[in-house]
Amino acid sequence: MSRTIILALAASLLGTAPVLAQAVEYEFDKSHTIIRASWDHQQYSTMSLQLTDYDGTLSLDLENPSNSAVDITFNLIDGIWPGAHHDRFIAHLNSADFFETAVNPTAHFVATGFETSDGTQGVMSGDLTMNGITNPVALDVTLNRVGENRGRAKLGFTATATLTRSEWDMAFAVPHIPDDIELYIGMEILSLSE
């Protein structure tokens, strides 16, 4: 999950874009970004939740991707949204069965590596900390578009990953509810300056 996950890979993925001399700072366009986790609910339905409260460092160096940095913190208290009519479920997600937000109010993602073979698709590796536990994750990332908006550089990405929730001590109801969670991120970011 976490508190957002994709952007340093942009540096690798933008190998075909105009070369920049140094890292460029970006911010989330939160009105056009979604971070969603979904899972099968006993084969009756597919349930999901969104992480809605996040921020961090999105610094991309398109000339030298190793200089890029992605470091995102997700505020979980009041930042988990499974949809309307789910007050009881939200309380359960905040309990010790899952995120235990009274003890671990945030989740944290730090990118550790970026790989791409064609400049548009690749893998972003990183460390994700949730529930007080840190594990490595790998996101499959696609660069959707490079453009501009009112004089600011604009980038769009899609990223996906499968997370095994028991690795973060969230094994409630396994195997009745699957251990694997599908993570989907659709993201737009804007440079901080023109």
C-alpha atoms as a PDB file:
ATOM      1  CA  MET A   1       0.000   0.000   0.000  1.00  0.00           C
ATOM      2  CA  SER A   2       0.900   2.311   1.327  1.00  0.00           C
ATOM      3  CA  ARG A   3       1.557   5.819   1.123  1.00  0.00           C
ATOM      4  CA  THR A   4       2.245   5.856  -2.538  1.00  0.00           C
ATOM      5  CA  ILE A   5       4.254   3.835  -4.304  1.00  0.00           C
ATOM      6  CA  ILE A   6       5.026   4.548  -7.958  1.00  0.00           C
ATOM      7  CA  LEU A   7       6.880   7.598  -8.793  1.00  0.00           C
ATOM      8  CA  ALA A   8      10.562   7.000  -8.700  1.00  0.00           C
ATOM      9  CA  LEU A   9      10.035   4.379 -11.309  1.00  0.00           C
ATOM     10  CA  ALA A  10       8.960   7.251 -13.471  1.00  0.00           C
ATOM     11  CA  ALA A  11      12.587   8.105 -13.761  1.00  0.00           C
ATOM     12  CA  SER A  12      13.333   4.758 -15.330  1.00  0.00           C
ATOM     13  CA  LEU A  13      10.175   4.675 -17.345  1.00  0.00           C
ATOM     14  CA  LEU A  14      10.773   8.062 -18.859  1.00  0.00           C
ATOM     15  CA  GLY A  15      13.925   7.067 -20.652  1.00  0.00           C
ATOM     16  CA  THR A  16      12.275   8.150 -23.906  1.00  0.00           C
ATOM     17  CA  ALA A  17      11.198  11.536 -22.517  1.00  0.00           C
ATOM     18  CA  PRO A  18      13.215  14.740 -22.760  1.00  0.00           C
ATOM     19  CA  VAL A  19      16.268  14.484 -20.545  1.00  0.00           C
ATOM     20  CA  LEU A  20      16.332  16.635 -17.452  1.00  0.00           C
ATOM     21  CA  ALA A  21      19.539  17.761 -15.794  1.00  0.00           C
ATOM     22  CA  GLN A  22      18.469  16.977 -12.227  1.00  0.00           C
ATOM     23  CA  ALA A  23      15.727  15.539 -10.111  1.00  0.00           C
ATOM     24  CA  VAL A  24      12.366  17.296 -10.406  1.00  0.00           C
ATOM     25  CA  GLU A  25       9.943  17.464  -7.484  1.00  0.00           C
ATOM     26  CA  TYR A  26       6.350  16.359  -8.117  1.00  0.00           C
ATOM     27  CA  GLU A  27       3.150  16.360  -6.123  1.00  0.00           C
ATOM     28  CA  PHE A  28       0.096  14.137  -6.313  1.00  0.00           C
ATOM     29  CA  ASP A  29      -2.907  15.314  -8.262  1.00  0.00           C
ATOM     30  CA  LYS A  30      -5.161  13.762  -5.625  1.00  0.00           C
ATOM     31  CA  SER A  31      -8.344  14.476  -7.547  1.00  0.00           C
ATOM     32  CA  HIS A  32      -7.031  12.134 -10.258  1.00  0.00           C
ATOM     33  CA  THR A  33      -5.298   9.510  -8.121  1.00  0.00           C
ATOM     34  CA  ILE A  34      -6.708   6.329  -6.592  1.00  0.00           C
ATOM     35  CA  ILE A  35      -4.971   3.815  -4.334  1.00  0.00           C
ATOM     36  CA  ARG A  36      -7.185   0.763  -3.956  1.00  0.00           C
ATOM     37  CA  ALA A  37      -6.820  -2.657  -2.327  1.00  0.00           C
ATOM     38  CA  SER A  38      -9.314  -5.377  -3.276  1.00  0.00           C
ATOM     39  CA  TRP A  39      -9.972  -8.986  -2.308  1.00  0.00           C
ATOM     40  CA  ASP A  40     -12.402 -11.834  -2.875  1.00  0.00           C
ATOM     41  CA  HIS A  41     -15.080 -12.146  -0.180  1.00  0.00           C
ATOM     42  CA  GLN A  42     -15.858 -15.864   0.042  1.00  0.00           C
ATOM     43  CA  GLN A  43     -16.608 -15.939  -3.707  1.00  0.00           C
ATOM     44  CA  TYR A  44     -19.712 -13.824  -3.131  1.00  0.00           C
ATOM     45  CA  SER A  45     -18.224 -10.483  -4.146  1.00  0.00           C
ATOM     46  CA  THR A  46     -15.070  -8.474  -4.577  1.00  0.00           C
ATOM     47  CA  MET A  47     -14.571  -6.023  -1.747  1.00  0.00           C
ATOM     48  CA  SER A  48     -12.200  -3.063  -1.765  1.00  0.00           C
ATOM     49  CA  LEU A  49     -10.938  -0.118   0.220  1.00  0.00           C
ATOM     50  CA  GLN A  50      -9.158   3.062  -0.733  1.00  0.00           C
ATOM     51  CA  LEU A  51      -6.295   4.826   0.978  1.00  0.00           C
ATOM     52  CA  THR A  52      -7.268   8.480   0.891  1.00  0.00           C
ATOM     53  CA  ASP A  53      -4.833  10.364   3.148  1.00  0.00           C
ATOM     54  CA  TYR A  54      -1.225  10.270   1.906  1.00  0.00           C
ATOM     55  CA  ASP A  55       1.720  12.471   1.032  1.00  0.00           C
ATOM     56  CA  GLY A  56       5.437  12.256   0.540  1.00  0.00           C
ATOM     57  CA  THR A  57       8.500  12.898  -1.571  1.00  0.00           C
ATOM     58  CA  LEU A  58       8.229  12.366  -5.322  1.00  0.00           C
ATOM     59  CA  SER A  59      11.569  13.351  -6.817  1.00  0.00           C
ATOM     60  CA  LEU A  60      12.374  12.135 -10.337  1.00  0.00           C
ATOM     61  CA  ASP A  61      15.667  12.387 -12.181  1.00  0.00           C
ATOM     62  CA  LEU A  62      14.981  11.308 -15.746  1.00  0.00           C
ATOM     63  CA  GLU A  63      18.653  11.418 -16.744  1.00  0.00           C
ATOM     64  CA  ASN A  64      19.849   9.294 -13.825  1.00  0.00           C
ATOM     65  CA  PRO A  65      16.997   7.289 -12.264  1.00  0.00           C
ATOM     66  CA  SER A  66      19.149   6.196  -9.327  1.00  0.00           C
ATOM     67  CA  ASN A  67      18.908   9.804  -8.083  1.00  0.00           C
ATOM     68  CA  SER A  68      15.132   9.573  -7.894  1.00  0.00           C
ATOM     69  CA  ALA A  69      13.283   9.125  -4.622  1.00  0.00           C
ATOM     70  CA  VAL A  70       9.812   7.975  -3.645  1.00  0.00           C
ATOM     71  CA  ASP A  71       8.929   8.121   0.038  1.00  0.00           C
ATOM     72  CA  ILE A  72       5.232   8.104   0.932  1.00  0.00           C
ATOM     73  CA  THR A  73       3.408   8.047   4.249  1.00  0.00           C
ATOM     74  CA  PHE A  74      -0.216   6.961   4.504  1.00  0.00           C
ATOM     75  CA  ASN A  75      -2.261   8.242   7.437  1.00  0.00           C
ATOM     76  CA  LEU A  76      -4.558   5.340   8.286  1.00  0.00           C
ATOM     77  CA  ILE A  77      -6.746   6.900  10.950  1.00  0.00           C
ATOM     78  CA  ASP A  78      -9.619   8.383   8.930  1.00  0.00           C
ATOM     79  CA  GLY A  79      -7.636   7.515   5.769  1.00  0.00           C
ATOM     80  CA  ILE A  80      -9.180   4.099   5.012  1.00  0.00           C
ATOM     81  CA  TRP A  81     -12.390   4.268   2.998  1.00  0.00           C
ATOM     82  CA  PRO A  82     -14.228   1.042   2.040  1.00  0.00           C
ATOM     83  CA  GLY A  83     -17.291   2.928   0.797  1.00  0.00           C
ATOM     84  CA  ALA A  84     -20.579   4.055   2.263  1.00  0.00           C
ATOM     85  CA  HIS A  85     -22.422   2.045   4.944  1.00  0.00           C
ATOM     86  CA  HIS A  86     -19.234   0.478   6.343  1.00  0.00           C
ATOM     87  CA  ASP A  87     -18.789   2.077   9.762  1.00  0.00           C
ATOM     88  CA  ARG A  88     -18.512  -1.304  11.475  1.00  0.00           C
ATOM     89  CA  PHE A  89     -15.973  -2.540   8.921  1.00  0.00           C
ATOM     90  CA  ILE A  90     -13.887   0.631   9.293  1.00  0.00           C
ATOM     91  CA  ALA A  91     -13.762   0.031  13.049  1.00  0.00           C
ATOM     92  CA  HIS A  92     -12.638  -3.556  12.399  1.00  0.00           C
ATOM     93  CA  LEU A  93      -9.909  -2.396   9.998  1.00  0.00           C
ATOM     94  CA  ASN A  94      -8.610  -0.073  12.724  1.00  0.00           C
ATOM     95  CA  SER A  95      -8.529  -2.921  15.269  1.00  0.00           C
ATOM     96  CA  ALA A  96      -5.698  -5.314  16.175  1.00  0.00           C
ATOM     97  CA  ASP A  97      -7.053  -7.807  13.601  1.00  0.00           C
ATOM     98  CA  PHE A  98      -5.747  -5.520  10.859  1.00  0.00           C
ATOM     99  CA  PHE A  99      -3.949  -2.150  10.989  1.00  0.00           C
ATOM    100  CA  GLU A 100      -4.196  -1.540  14.772  1.00  0.00           C
ATOM    101  CA  THR A 101      -4.109   2.179  14.105  1.00  0.00           C
ATOM    102  CA  ALA A 102      -4.058   3.104  17.788  1.00  0.00           C
ATOM    103  CA  VAL A 103      -0.492   1.728  17.821  1.00  0.00           C
ATOM    104  CA  ASN A 104       0.449   2.086  14.128  1.00  0.00           C
ATOM    105  CA  PRO A 105      -1.411   5.127  12.773  1.00  0.00           C
ATOM    106  CA  THR A 106       0.560   5.261   9.513  1.00  0.00           C
ATOM    107  CA  ALA A 107       1.890   3.040   6.773  1.00  0.00           C
ATOM    108  CA  HIS A 108       5.076   3.920   4.926  1.00  0.00           C
ATOM    109  CA  PHE A 109       6.563   3.086   1.513  1.00  0.00           C
ATOM    110  CA  VAL A 110      10.130   3.824   0.417  1.00  0.00           C
ATOM    111  CA  ALA A 111      11.301   2.886  -3.070  1.00  0.00           C
ATOM    112  CA  THR A 112      14.565   0.940  -3.219  1.00  0.00           C
ATOM    113  CA  GLY A 113      15.005   0.186  -6.929  1.00  0.00           C
ATOM    114  CA  PHE A 114      13.692   0.672 -10.453  1.00  0.00           C
ATOM    115  CA  GLU A 115      13.906  -1.537 -13.529  1.00  0.00           C
ATOM    116  CA  THR A 116      12.591  -1.062 -17.066  1.00  0.00           C
ATOM    117  CA  SER A 117      13.442  -2.567 -20.439  1.00  0.00           C
ATOM    118  CA  ASP A 118      11.421  -0.366 -22.785  1.00  0.00           C
ATOM    119  CA  GLY A 119      10.943   2.976 -21.025  1.00  0.00           C
ATOM    120  CA  THR A 120       7.190   2.537 -20.534  1.00  0.00           C
ATOM    121  CA  GLN A 121       6.833  -0.540 -18.316  1.00  0.00           C
ATOM    122  CA  GLY A 122       8.892  -1.686 -15.399  1.00  0.00           C
ATOM    123  CA  VAL A 123       9.104  -2.726 -11.769  1.00  0.00           C
ATOM    124  CA  MET A 124       9.483  -0.502  -8.737  1.00  0.00           C
ATOM    125  CA  SER A 125      10.870  -2.254  -5.675  1.00  0.00           C
ATOM    126  CA  GLY A 126      10.463  -0.884  -2.200  1.00  0.00           C
ATOM    127  CA  ASP A 127       9.911  -1.478   1.487  1.00  0.00           C
ATOM    128  CA  LEU A 128       6.363  -1.235   2.818  1.00  0.00           C
ATOM    129  CA  THR A 129       5.777  -0.842   6.540  1.00  0.00           C
ATOM    130  CA  MET A 130       2.307  -1.584   7.901  1.00  0.00           C
ATOM    131  CA  ASN A 131       1.183  -2.727  11.331  1.00  0.00           C
ATOM    132  CA  GLY A 132       4.735  -2.175  12.592  1.00  0.00           C
ATOM    133  CA  ILE A 133       6.197  -4.710  10.118  1.00  0.00           C
ATOM    134  CA  THR A 134       8.362  -3.967   7.065  1.00  0.00           C
ATOM    135  CA  ASN A 135       8.427  -6.233   4.011  1.00  0.00           C
ATOM    136  CA  PRO A 136       9.726  -5.816   0.463  1.00  0.00           C
ATOM    137  CA  VAL A 137       7.174  -5.275  -2.307  1.00  0.00           C
ATOM    138  CA  ALA A 138       7.401  -5.041  -6.080  1.00  0.00           C
ATOM    139  CA  LEU A 139       4.967  -3.023  -8.195  1.00  0.00           C
ATOM    140  CA  ASP A 140       4.435  -3.526 -11.907  1.00  0.00           C
ATOM    141  CA  VAL A 141       4.317   0.011 -13.290  1.00  0.00           C
ATOM    142  CA  THR A 142       3.164   1.422 -16.619  1.00  0.00           C
ATOM    143  CA  LEU A 143       3.820   4.967 -17.723  1.00  0.00           C
ATOM    144  CA  ASN A 144       0.519   6.005 -19.303  1.00  0.00           C
ATOM    145  CA  ARG A 145       1.358   9.485 -20.540  1.00  0.00           C
ATOM    146  CA  VAL A 146       3.840  12.348 -20.314  1.00  0.00           C
ATOM    147  CA  GLY A 147       2.379  15.805 -20.841  1.00  0.00           C
ATOM    148  CA  GLU A 148       1.832  19.186 -19.256  1.00  0.00           C
ATOM    149  CA  ASN A 149      -0.918  21.075 -17.508  1.00  0.00           C
ATOM    150  CA  ARG A 150      -0.852  24.884 -17.296  1.00  0.00           C
ATOM    151  CA  GLY A 151       2.882  24.960 -17.772  1.00  0.00           C
ATOM    152  CA  ARG A 152       3.667  22.169 -15.305  1.00  0.00           C
ATOM    153  CA  ALA A 153       4.965  18.741 -16.289  1.00  0.00           C
ATOM    154  CA  LYS A 154       2.302  16.068 -15.827  1.00  0.00           C
ATOM    155  CA  LEU A 155       2.834  12.302 -15.629  1.00  0.00           C
ATOM    156  CA  GLY A 156       0.307   9.462 -15.431  1.00  0.00           C
ATOM    157  CA  PHE A 157       0.988   5.956 -14.137  1.00  0.00           C
ATOM    158  CA  THR A 158      -0.736   2.681 -13.394  1.00  0.00           C
ATOM    159  CA  ALA A 159       0.789   0.276 -10.868  1.00  0.00           C
ATOM    160  CA  THR A 160      -0.330  -3.100  -9.567  1.00  0.00           C
ATOM    161  CA  ALA A 161       0.921  -5.607  -7.020  1.00  0.00           C
ATOM    162  CA  THR A 162      -0.248  -8.572  -4.984  1.00  0.00           C
ATOM    163  CA  LEU A 163       0.281  -8.277  -1.241  1.00  0.00           C
ATOM    164  CA  THR A 164       0.027 -11.195   1.172  1.00  0.00           C
ATOM    165  CA  ARG A 165      -1.598  -9.608   4.206  1.00  0.00           C
ATOM    166  CA  SER A 166      -0.433 -12.233   6.706  1.00  0.00           C
ATOM    167  CA  GLU A 167       3.134 -11.000   6.083  1.00  0.00           C
ATOM    168  CA  TRP A 168       2.044  -7.863   7.948  1.00  0.00           C
ATOM    169  CA  ASP A 169       0.298  -9.838  10.737  1.00  0.00           C
ATOM    170  CA  MET A 170      -3.187  -9.348   9.244  1.00  0.00           C
ATOM    171  CA  ALA A 171      -4.245 -12.949   8.809  1.00  0.00           C
ATOM    172  CA  PHE A 172      -7.778 -12.493  10.181  1.00  0.00           C
ATOM    173  CA  ALA A 173     -10.205 -15.069   8.646  1.00  0.00           C
ATOM    174  CA  VAL A 174      -7.584 -16.741   6.430  1.00  0.00           C
ATOM    175  CA  PRO A 175      -8.308 -19.033   4.572  1.00  0.00           C
ATOM    176  CA  HIS A 176     -12.032 -18.195   4.531  1.00  0.00           C
ATOM    177  CA  ILE A 177     -11.076 -14.825   3.112  1.00  0.00           C
ATOM    178  CA  PRO A 178      -7.978 -15.057   0.902  1.00  0.00           C
ATOM    179  CA  ASP A 179      -4.604 -13.949   2.162  1.00  0.00           C
ATOM    180  CA  ASP A 180      -3.764 -12.146  -1.080  1.00  0.00           C
ATOM    181  CA  ILE A 181      -4.813  -8.546  -1.639  1.00  0.00           C
ATOM    182  CA  GLU A 182      -4.689  -6.930  -5.077  1.00  0.00           C
ATOM    183  CA  LEU A 183      -3.259  -3.426  -5.028  1.00  0.00           C
ATOM    184  CA  TYR A 184      -4.134  -0.979  -7.821  1.00  0.00           C
ATOM    185  CA  ILE A 185      -2.780   2.533  -8.166  1.00  0.00           C
ATOM    186  CA  GLY A 186      -3.908   4.970 -10.829  1.00  0.00           C
ATOM    187  CA  MET A 187      -1.901   8.145 -10.418  1.00  0.00           C
ATOM    188  CA  GLU A 188      -1.390  11.571 -11.912  1.00  0.00           C
ATOM    189  CA  ILE A 189       1.398  13.828 -10.649  1.00  0.00           C
ATOM    190  CA  LEU A 190       2.397  17.408 -11.402  1.00  0.00           C
ATOM    191  CA  SER A 191       5.783  19.103 -11.155  1.00  0.00           C
ATOM    192  CA  LEU A 192       6.002  21.645  -8.353  1.00  0.00           C
ATOM    193  CA  SER A 193       7.304  24.322 -10.719  1.00  0.00           C
ATOM    194  CA  GLU A 194       6.999  25.199 -14.410  1.00  0.00           C
END
